[in-house]
Amino acid sequence: MNTPLAPSKILGSWKEIAAYLGKGVRTVQRWEQLYGLPVRRPHGSPMGVVYASCDELDVWLVQTWEHRHTVLRDYERGNGYVTLGDTPKLVQQSQQLRYSNIVLIESIREKLHELYQGCEQLKVASAESRRICTGVWPRGE
């Protein structure tokens, strides 16, 4: 006896698709643009109207995540990637870079302070020069 196949459930909005996938609406919209999430737009419908088949979404998830697991397995094997065993070394390098940045920022602050002091000295010298050129002397001299 042949039993009819149950029709795939159709999700009729971004909100339903996002809820089905357990993600936010913006995430699934981004997945459509970047990773080809299988959503459809009815011909002649407004731009935001979409629908998707649960079966197609399930197949897409399996294919997409299988690819990601393959990449992760390659990463763990060290096939042209940084291996997970390099993590302590990378953390140390990150800390060294952070320290170098802190030293650089402090150096820049010191140089800016020196520049500010130089500007203040120029301001005083300029005022004195103006007084000499114009013949206006401060009282008491």
C-alpha atoms as a PDB file:
ATOM      1  CA  MET A   1       0.000   0.000   0.000  1.00  0.00           C
ATOM      2  CA  ASN A   2       1.434   3.360  -1.034  1.00  0.00           C
ATOM      3  CA  THR A   3       1.177   6.097   1.529  1.00  0.00           C
ATOM      4  CA  PRO A   4       1.209   9.648   0.245  1.00  0.00           C
ATOM      5  CA  LEU A   5       4.205  11.722   1.259  1.00  0.00           C
ATOM      6  CA  ALA A   6       3.403  14.443   3.727  1.00  0.00           C
ATOM      7  CA  PRO A   7       3.834  17.817   2.083  1.00  0.00           C
ATOM      8  CA  SER A   8       6.736  19.848   3.362  1.00  0.00           C
ATOM      9  CA  LYS A   9       5.748  22.546   5.781  1.00  0.00           C
ATOM     10  CA  ILE A  10       6.027  26.009   4.242  1.00  0.00           C
ATOM     11  CA  LEU A  11       7.245  28.933   6.310  1.00  0.00           C
ATOM     12  CA  GLY A  12       5.717  32.178   5.074  1.00  0.00           C
ATOM     13  CA  SER A  13       7.817  34.985   6.528  1.00  0.00           C
ATOM     14  CA  TRP A  14      11.297  35.920   7.628  1.00  0.00           C
ATOM     15  CA  LYS A  15      10.103  35.674  11.207  1.00  0.00           C
ATOM     16  CA  GLU A  16       8.864  32.081  10.766  1.00  0.00           C
ATOM     17  CA  ILE A  17      12.065  31.074   8.933  1.00  0.00           C
ATOM     18  CA  ALA A  18      14.209  32.637  11.652  1.00  0.00           C
ATOM     19  CA  ALA A  19      12.207  30.912  14.402  1.00  0.00           C
ATOM     20  CA  TYR A  20      12.492  27.559  12.609  1.00  0.00           C
ATOM     21  CA  LEU A  21      16.287  27.954  12.388  1.00  0.00           C
ATOM     22  CA  GLY A  22      16.557  29.343  15.919  1.00  0.00           C
ATOM     23  CA  LYS A  23      18.174  32.577  14.735  1.00  0.00           C
ATOM     24  CA  GLY A  24      17.233  36.232  14.366  1.00  0.00           C
ATOM     25  CA  VAL A  25      15.602  37.662  11.242  1.00  0.00           C
ATOM     26  CA  ARG A  26      18.713  39.688  10.289  1.00  0.00           C
ATOM     27  CA  THR A  27      20.879  36.571  10.603  1.00  0.00           C
ATOM     28  CA  VAL A  28      18.769  34.496   8.238  1.00  0.00           C
ATOM     29  CA  GLN A  29      18.554  37.415   5.789  1.00  0.00           C
ATOM     30  CA  ARG A  30      22.344  37.637   5.879  1.00  0.00           C
ATOM     31  CA  TRP A  31      22.573  33.855   5.386  1.00  0.00           C
ATOM     32  CA  GLU A  32      20.456  34.204   2.258  1.00  0.00           C
ATOM     33  CA  GLN A  33      22.810  36.819   0.830  1.00  0.00           C
ATOM     34  CA  LEU A  34      26.098  35.258   1.897  1.00  0.00           C
ATOM     35  CA  TYR A  35      25.463  31.523   1.965  1.00  0.00           C
ATOM     36  CA  GLY A  36      22.486  30.934  -0.326  1.00  0.00           C
ATOM     37  CA  LEU A  37      19.837  30.110   2.256  1.00  0.00           C
ATOM     38  CA  PRO A  38      17.016  28.665   0.115  1.00  0.00           C
ATOM     39  CA  VAL A  39      14.191  31.171   0.376  1.00  0.00           C
ATOM     40  CA  ARG A  40      11.809  32.073  -2.425  1.00  0.00           C
ATOM     41  CA  ARG A  41       9.950  35.201  -3.380  1.00  0.00           C
ATOM     42  CA  PRO A  42       6.560  34.913  -5.047  1.00  0.00           C
ATOM     43  CA  HIS A  43       6.505  36.476  -8.515  1.00  0.00           C
ATOM     44  CA  GLY A  44       5.195  40.038  -8.354  1.00  0.00           C
ATOM     45  CA  SER A  45       5.172  40.202  -4.560  1.00  0.00           C
ATOM     46  CA  PRO A  46       6.645  43.019  -2.478  1.00  0.00           C
ATOM     47  CA  MET A  47      10.377  42.869  -1.756  1.00  0.00           C
ATOM     48  CA  GLY A  48      10.065  41.609   1.841  1.00  0.00           C
ATOM     49  CA  VAL A  49       7.686  38.725   1.111  1.00  0.00           C
ATOM     50  CA  VAL A  50       9.440  35.344   1.236  1.00  0.00           C
ATOM     51  CA  TYR A  51       8.658  31.720   1.878  1.00  0.00           C
ATOM     52  CA  ALA A  52      10.744  28.613   2.427  1.00  0.00           C
ATOM     53  CA  SER A  53      10.252  24.879   2.634  1.00  0.00           C
ATOM     54  CA  CYS A  54      11.293  23.199   5.881  1.00  0.00           C
ATOM     55  CA  ASP A  55      12.679  20.285   3.862  1.00  0.00           C
ATOM     56  CA  GLU A  56      14.870  22.583   1.743  1.00  0.00           C
ATOM     57  CA  LEU A  57      16.075  24.416   4.840  1.00  0.00           C
ATOM     58  CA  ASP A  58      16.957  21.108   6.504  1.00  0.00           C
ATOM     59  CA  VAL A  59      18.937  19.938   3.463  1.00  0.00           C
ATOM     60  CA  TRP A  60      20.704  23.311   3.242  1.00  0.00           C
ATOM     61  CA  LEU A  61      21.630  23.136   6.940  1.00  0.00           C
ATOM     62  CA  VAL A  62      23.089  19.636   6.589  1.00  0.00           C
ATOM     63  CA  GLN A  63      25.120  20.617   3.525  1.00  0.00           C
ATOM     64  CA  THR A  64      26.292  23.911   4.968  1.00  0.00           C
ATOM     65  CA  TRP A  65      27.236  22.515   8.370  1.00  0.00           C
ATOM     66  CA  GLU A  66      28.887  19.437   6.831  1.00  0.00           C
ATOM     67  CA  HIS A  67      31.153  21.805   4.886  1.00  0.00           C
ATOM     68  CA  ARG A  68      31.928  23.701   8.083  1.00  0.00           C
ATOM     69  CA  HIS A  69      32.773  20.449   9.902  1.00  0.00           C
ATOM     70  CA  THR A  70      35.117  19.462   7.047  1.00  0.00           C
ATOM     71  CA  VAL A  71      36.897  22.809   7.344  1.00  0.00           C
ATOM     72  CA  LEU A  72      37.133  22.356  11.124  1.00  0.00           C
ATOM     73  CA  ARG A  73      38.562  18.842  10.730  1.00  0.00           C
ATOM     74  CA  ASP A  74      41.157  20.227   8.284  1.00  0.00           C
ATOM     75  CA  TYR A  75      41.895  23.006  10.765  1.00  0.00           C
ATOM     76  CA  GLU A  76      42.400  20.484  13.575  1.00  0.00           C
ATOM     77  CA  ARG A  77      44.713  18.363  11.405  1.00  0.00           C
ATOM     78  CA  GLY A  78      46.800  21.414  10.578  1.00  0.00           C
ATOM     79  CA  ASN A  79      46.279  21.261   6.801  1.00  0.00           C
ATOM     80  CA  GLY A  80      47.477  24.747   5.987  1.00  0.00           C
ATOM     81  CA  TYR A  81      45.812  26.253   9.030  1.00  0.00           C
ATOM     82  CA  VAL A  82      46.946  27.257  12.450  1.00  0.00           C
ATOM     83  CA  THR A  83      46.477  24.247  14.705  1.00  0.00           C
ATOM     84  CA  LEU A  84      44.661  24.362  18.004  1.00  0.00           C
ATOM     85  CA  GLY A  85      47.949  23.439  19.691  1.00  0.00           C
ATOM     86  CA  ASP A  86      49.275  26.880  18.673  1.00  0.00           C
ATOM     87  CA  THR A  87      46.768  28.631  20.925  1.00  0.00           C
ATOM     88  CA  PRO A  88      49.126  29.345  23.874  1.00  0.00           C
ATOM     89  CA  LYS A  89      51.727  30.807  21.492  1.00  0.00           C
ATOM     90  CA  LEU A  90      49.072  32.943  19.781  1.00  0.00           C
ATOM     91  CA  VAL A  91      47.743  34.170  23.138  1.00  0.00           C
ATOM     92  CA  GLN A  92      51.276  35.161  24.139  1.00  0.00           C
ATOM     93  CA  GLN A  93      51.780  37.019  20.845  1.00  0.00           C
ATOM     94  CA  SER A  94      48.456  38.772  21.358  1.00  0.00           C
ATOM     95  CA  GLN A  95      49.506  39.872  24.854  1.00  0.00           C
ATOM     96  CA  GLN A  96      52.830  41.162  23.500  1.00  0.00           C
ATOM     97  CA  LEU A  97      51.044  43.143  20.806  1.00  0.00           C
ATOM     98  CA  ARG A  98      48.646  44.579  23.369  1.00  0.00           C
ATOM     99  CA  TYR A  99      51.565  45.638  25.574  1.00  0.00           C
ATOM    100  CA  SER A 100      53.334  47.186  22.560  1.00  0.00           C
ATOM    101  CA  ASN A 101      50.183  49.129  21.738  1.00  0.00           C
ATOM    102  CA  ILE A 102      49.951  50.417  25.313  1.00  0.00           C
ATOM    103  CA  VAL A 103      53.593  51.585  25.150  1.00  0.00           C
ATOM    104  CA  LEU A 104      52.951  53.240  21.778  1.00  0.00           C
ATOM    105  CA  ILE A 105      49.848  55.044  23.054  1.00  0.00           C
ATOM    106  CA  GLU A 106      51.765  56.339  26.084  1.00  0.00           C
ATOM    107  CA  SER A 107      54.567  57.549  23.800  1.00  0.00           C
ATOM    108  CA  ILE A 108      52.064  59.386  21.615  1.00  0.00           C
ATOM    109  CA  ARG A 109      50.523  61.013  24.709  1.00  0.00           C
ATOM    110  CA  GLU A 110      53.962  62.218  25.849  1.00  0.00           C
ATOM    111  CA  LYS A 111      54.747  63.652  22.409  1.00  0.00           C
ATOM    112  CA  LEU A 112      51.380  65.414  22.288  1.00  0.00           C
ATOM    113  CA  HIS A 113      52.058  66.927  25.717  1.00  0.00           C
ATOM    114  CA  GLU A 114      55.474  68.152  24.497  1.00  0.00           C
ATOM    115  CA  LEU A 115      53.833  69.581  21.378  1.00  0.00           C
ATOM    116  CA  TYR A 116      51.246  71.385  23.512  1.00  0.00           C
ATOM    117  CA  GLN A 117      53.992  72.866  25.690  1.00  0.00           C
ATOM    118  CA  GLY A 118      55.889  73.985  22.573  1.00  0.00           C
ATOM    119  CA  CYS A 119      52.744  75.678  21.267  1.00  0.00           C
ATOM    120  CA  GLU A 120      52.289  77.490  24.583  1.00  0.00           C
ATOM    121  CA  GLN A 121      55.916  78.707  24.436  1.00  0.00           C
ATOM    122  CA  LEU A 122      55.381  79.928  20.871  1.00  0.00           C
ATOM    123  CA  LYS A 123      52.250  81.738  21.981  1.00  0.00           C
ATOM    124  CA  VAL A 124      54.180  83.578  24.722  1.00  0.00           C
ATOM    125  CA  ALA A 125      57.087  84.369  22.379  1.00  0.00           C
ATOM    126  CA  SER A 126      54.679  85.610  19.713  1.00  0.00           C
ATOM    127  CA  ALA A 127      52.986  87.927  22.204  1.00  0.00           C
ATOM    128  CA  GLU A 128      56.362  89.346  23.282  1.00  0.00           C
ATOM    129  CA  SER A 129      57.414  89.802  19.661  1.00  0.00           C
ATOM    130  CA  ARG A 130      54.182  91.669  18.927  1.00  0.00           C
ATOM    131  CA  ARG A 131      54.752  93.999  21.892  1.00  0.00           C
ATOM    132  CA  ILE A 132      58.293  94.763  20.724  1.00  0.00           C
ATOM    133  CA  CYS A 133      57.199  95.429  17.129  1.00  0.00           C
ATOM    134  CA  THR A 134      54.292  97.647  18.103  1.00  0.00           C
ATOM    135  CA  GLY A 135      56.147  99.464  20.854  1.00  0.00           C
ATOM    136  CA  VAL A 136      53.510  98.591  23.412  1.00  0.00           C
ATOM    137  CA  TRP A 137      55.238  97.700  26.644  1.00  0.00           C
ATOM    138  CA  PRO A 138      53.587  96.161  29.648  1.00  0.00           C
ATOM    139  CA  ARG A 139      53.252  98.459  32.681  1.00  0.00           C
ATOM    140  CA  GLY A 140      56.116  98.517  35.105  1.00  0.00           C
ATOM    141  CA  GLU A 141      58.924  97.987  32.561  1.00  0.00           C
END
